[in-house]
Amino acid sequence: MHVAWGVDGIDDAFKSLQSNGNQMRGDAPAVSPFGYKTANIETESSHGIHFQLAEGEPA
């Protein structure tokens, strides 16, 4: 289970989270199998909770 937020400007959000000390999964947002961009905060940075950002419409 995870908590996800829909955002505009996921690339900027990723950089902001990373620059504020959050451990992010990967070096940049990825494209999901459904066609939208995702960014994930590693659980070590979020007290064990899986947080995800998503941008775009599923293909």
N, C-alpha and C. Protein backbone atom coordinates (compact mmCIF):
# COMPACT_ATOMS: atom_id res chain seq x y z
N MET A 1 0.85 -1.16 0.00
CA MET A 1 0.00 0.00 0.00
C MET A 1 0.90 1.23 0.00
N HIS A 2 0.42 2.30 -0.64
CA HIS A 2 1.15 3.55 -0.65
C HIS A 2 0.18 4.73 -0.74
N VAL A 3 0.71 5.91 -0.46
CA VAL A 3 -0.04 7.15 -0.58
C VAL A 3 0.50 7.87 -1.82
N ALA A 4 -0.39 8.28 -2.72
CA ALA A 4 0.05 8.95 -3.95
C ALA A 4 -0.64 10.30 -4.09
N TRP A 5 0.10 11.26 -4.62
CA TRP A 5 -0.44 12.58 -4.91
C TRP A 5 -0.28 12.87 -6.39
N GLY A 6 -1.30 13.41 -7.00
CA GLY A 6 -1.20 13.91 -8.37
C GLY A 6 -0.62 15.32 -8.32
N VAL A 7 0.40 15.57 -9.11
CA VAL A 7 1.07 16.87 -9.11
C VAL A 7 1.27 17.37 -10.53
N ASP A 8 1.43 18.67 -10.65
CA ASP A 8 1.92 19.29 -11.89
C ASP A 8 3.38 19.66 -11.63
N GLY A 9 4.24 19.44 -12.59
CA GLY A 9 5.65 19.78 -12.41
C GLY A 9 6.40 18.76 -11.58
N ILE A 10 6.25 17.49 -11.91
CA ILE A 10 6.86 16.42 -11.12
C ILE A 10 8.39 16.51 -11.10
N ASP A 11 8.99 16.98 -12.19
CA ASP A 11 10.45 17.09 -12.22
C ASP A 11 10.94 18.08 -11.17
N ASP A 12 10.28 19.22 -11.07
CA ASP A 12 10.64 20.22 -10.06
C ASP A 12 10.35 19.71 -8.65
N ALA A 13 9.23 19.01 -8.48
CA ALA A 13 8.89 18.45 -7.17
C ALA A 13 9.94 17.43 -6.74
N PHE A 14 10.39 16.59 -7.66
CA PHE A 14 11.42 15.59 -7.38
C PHE A 14 12.69 16.28 -6.89
N LYS A 15 13.14 17.30 -7.64
CA LYS A 15 14.36 18.02 -7.27
C LYS A 15 14.22 18.70 -5.92
N SER A 16 13.06 19.28 -5.66
CA SER A 16 12.83 19.96 -4.39
C SER A 16 12.87 18.98 -3.22
N LEU A 17 12.19 17.85 -3.36
CA LEU A 17 12.21 16.85 -2.30
C LEU A 17 13.63 16.34 -2.06
N GLN A 18 14.35 16.08 -3.13
CA GLN A 18 15.71 15.57 -3.03
C GLN A 18 16.63 16.60 -2.37
N SER A 19 16.52 17.86 -2.76
CA SER A 19 17.39 18.90 -2.21
C SER A 19 17.07 19.19 -0.74
N ASN A 20 15.89 18.79 -0.29
CA ASN A 20 15.52 18.97 1.12
C ASN A 20 15.83 17.73 1.95
N GLY A 21 16.64 16.81 1.40
CA GLY A 21 17.13 15.69 2.18
C GLY A 21 16.36 14.39 2.06
N ASN A 22 15.34 14.35 1.24
CA ASN A 22 14.59 13.10 1.06
C ASN A 22 15.35 12.17 0.12
N GLN A 23 15.39 10.90 0.47
CA GLN A 23 15.98 9.90 -0.42
C GLN A 23 14.91 9.51 -1.44
N MET A 24 15.25 9.68 -2.71
CA MET A 24 14.31 9.38 -3.77
C MET A 24 14.72 8.10 -4.47
N ARG A 25 13.76 7.37 -4.99
CA ARG A 25 14.05 6.16 -5.76
C ARG A 25 14.46 6.58 -7.17
N GLY A 26 15.68 6.28 -7.56
CA GLY A 26 16.19 6.65 -8.87
C GLY A 26 16.73 8.07 -8.89
N ASP A 27 17.24 8.45 -10.06
CA ASP A 27 17.84 9.78 -10.23
C ASP A 27 16.88 10.81 -10.79
N ALA A 28 15.71 10.37 -11.23
CA ALA A 28 14.71 11.26 -11.82
C ALA A 28 13.38 10.52 -11.85
N PRO A 29 12.28 11.23 -12.06
CA PRO A 29 10.99 10.55 -12.20
C PRO A 29 11.05 9.51 -13.34
N ALA A 30 10.24 8.48 -13.20
CA ALA A 30 10.17 7.41 -14.19
C ALA A 30 8.79 7.41 -14.84
N VAL A 31 8.68 6.71 -15.95
CA VAL A 31 7.38 6.54 -16.61
C VAL A 31 6.82 5.19 -16.19
N SER A 32 5.59 5.20 -15.68
CA SER A 32 4.95 3.97 -15.21
C SER A 32 4.53 3.11 -16.40
N PRO A 33 4.21 1.84 -16.16
CA PRO A 33 3.71 0.99 -17.23
C PRO A 33 2.39 1.51 -17.83
N PHE A 34 1.73 2.41 -17.11
CA PHE A 34 0.46 2.97 -17.56
C PHE A 34 0.63 4.30 -18.30
N GLY A 35 1.86 4.78 -18.43
CA GLY A 35 2.14 5.96 -19.24
C GLY A 35 2.24 7.28 -18.52
N TYR A 36 2.11 7.32 -17.21
CA TYR A 36 2.27 8.59 -16.51
C TYR A 36 3.59 8.60 -15.76
N LYS A 37 4.07 9.79 -15.39
CA LYS A 37 5.34 9.91 -14.69
C LYS A 37 5.14 9.70 -13.19
N THR A 38 6.09 9.03 -12.57
CA THR A 38 6.03 8.80 -11.13
C THR A 38 7.37 9.12 -10.48
N ALA A 39 7.30 9.51 -9.23
CA ALA A 39 8.48 9.71 -8.40
C ALA A 39 8.15 9.13 -7.03
N ASN A 40 9.09 8.39 -6.47
CA ASN A 40 8.85 7.71 -5.20
C ASN A 40 9.86 8.15 -4.15
N ILE A 41 9.36 8.43 -2.96
CA ILE A 41 10.22 8.74 -1.83
C ILE A 41 10.54 7.43 -1.13
N GLU A 42 11.83 7.16 -0.92
CA GLU A 42 12.23 5.93 -0.24
C GLU A 42 11.67 5.92 1.19
N THR A 43 11.27 4.75 1.65
CA THR A 43 10.63 4.64 2.96
C THR A 43 11.57 5.04 4.10
N GLU A 44 12.88 4.99 3.89
CA GLU A 44 13.82 5.43 4.93
C GLU A 44 13.67 6.92 5.22
N SER A 45 13.16 7.67 4.25
CA SER A 45 12.97 9.12 4.43
C SER A 45 11.56 9.48 4.89
N SER A 46 10.68 8.49 4.99
CA SER A 46 9.28 8.80 5.28
C SER A 46 8.68 7.91 6.37
N HIS A 47 9.51 7.57 7.34
CA HIS A 47 9.04 6.79 8.50
C HIS A 47 8.34 5.49 8.10
N GLY A 48 8.84 4.86 7.02
CA GLY A 48 8.31 3.57 6.60
C GLY A 48 7.08 3.62 5.71
N ILE A 49 6.62 4.82 5.38
CA ILE A 49 5.43 4.96 4.54
C ILE A 49 5.87 5.21 3.10
N HIS A 50 5.29 4.49 2.14
CA HIS A 50 5.63 4.64 0.73
C HIS A 50 4.81 5.78 0.14
N PHE A 51 5.49 6.89 -0.17
CA PHE A 51 4.85 8.04 -0.81
C PHE A 51 5.24 8.09 -2.27
N GLN A 52 4.29 8.45 -3.11
CA GLN A 52 4.53 8.53 -4.55
C GLN A 52 3.89 9.80 -5.10
N LEU A 53 4.58 10.44 -6.05
CA LEU A 53 4.02 11.54 -6.82
C LEU A 53 3.71 11.01 -8.21
N ALA A 54 2.65 11.50 -8.82
CA ALA A 54 2.28 11.07 -10.17
C ALA A 54 1.84 12.29 -10.97
N GLU A 55 2.19 12.28 -12.26
CA GLU A 55 1.81 13.38 -13.16
C GLU A 55 1.39 12.80 -14.50
N GLY A 56 0.29 13.31 -15.03
CA GLY A 56 -0.16 12.90 -16.35
C GLY A 56 -1.34 11.95 -16.29
N GLU A 57 -1.85 11.66 -17.45
CA GLU A 57 -2.99 10.76 -17.58
C GLU A 57 -2.51 9.38 -18.02
N PRO A 58 -3.13 8.33 -17.50
CA PRO A 58 -2.77 6.99 -17.98
C PRO A 58 -3.00 6.87 -19.48
N ALA A 59 -2.14 6.10 -20.12
CA ALA A 59 -2.27 5.89 -21.57
C ALA A 59 -3.41 4.96 -21.89
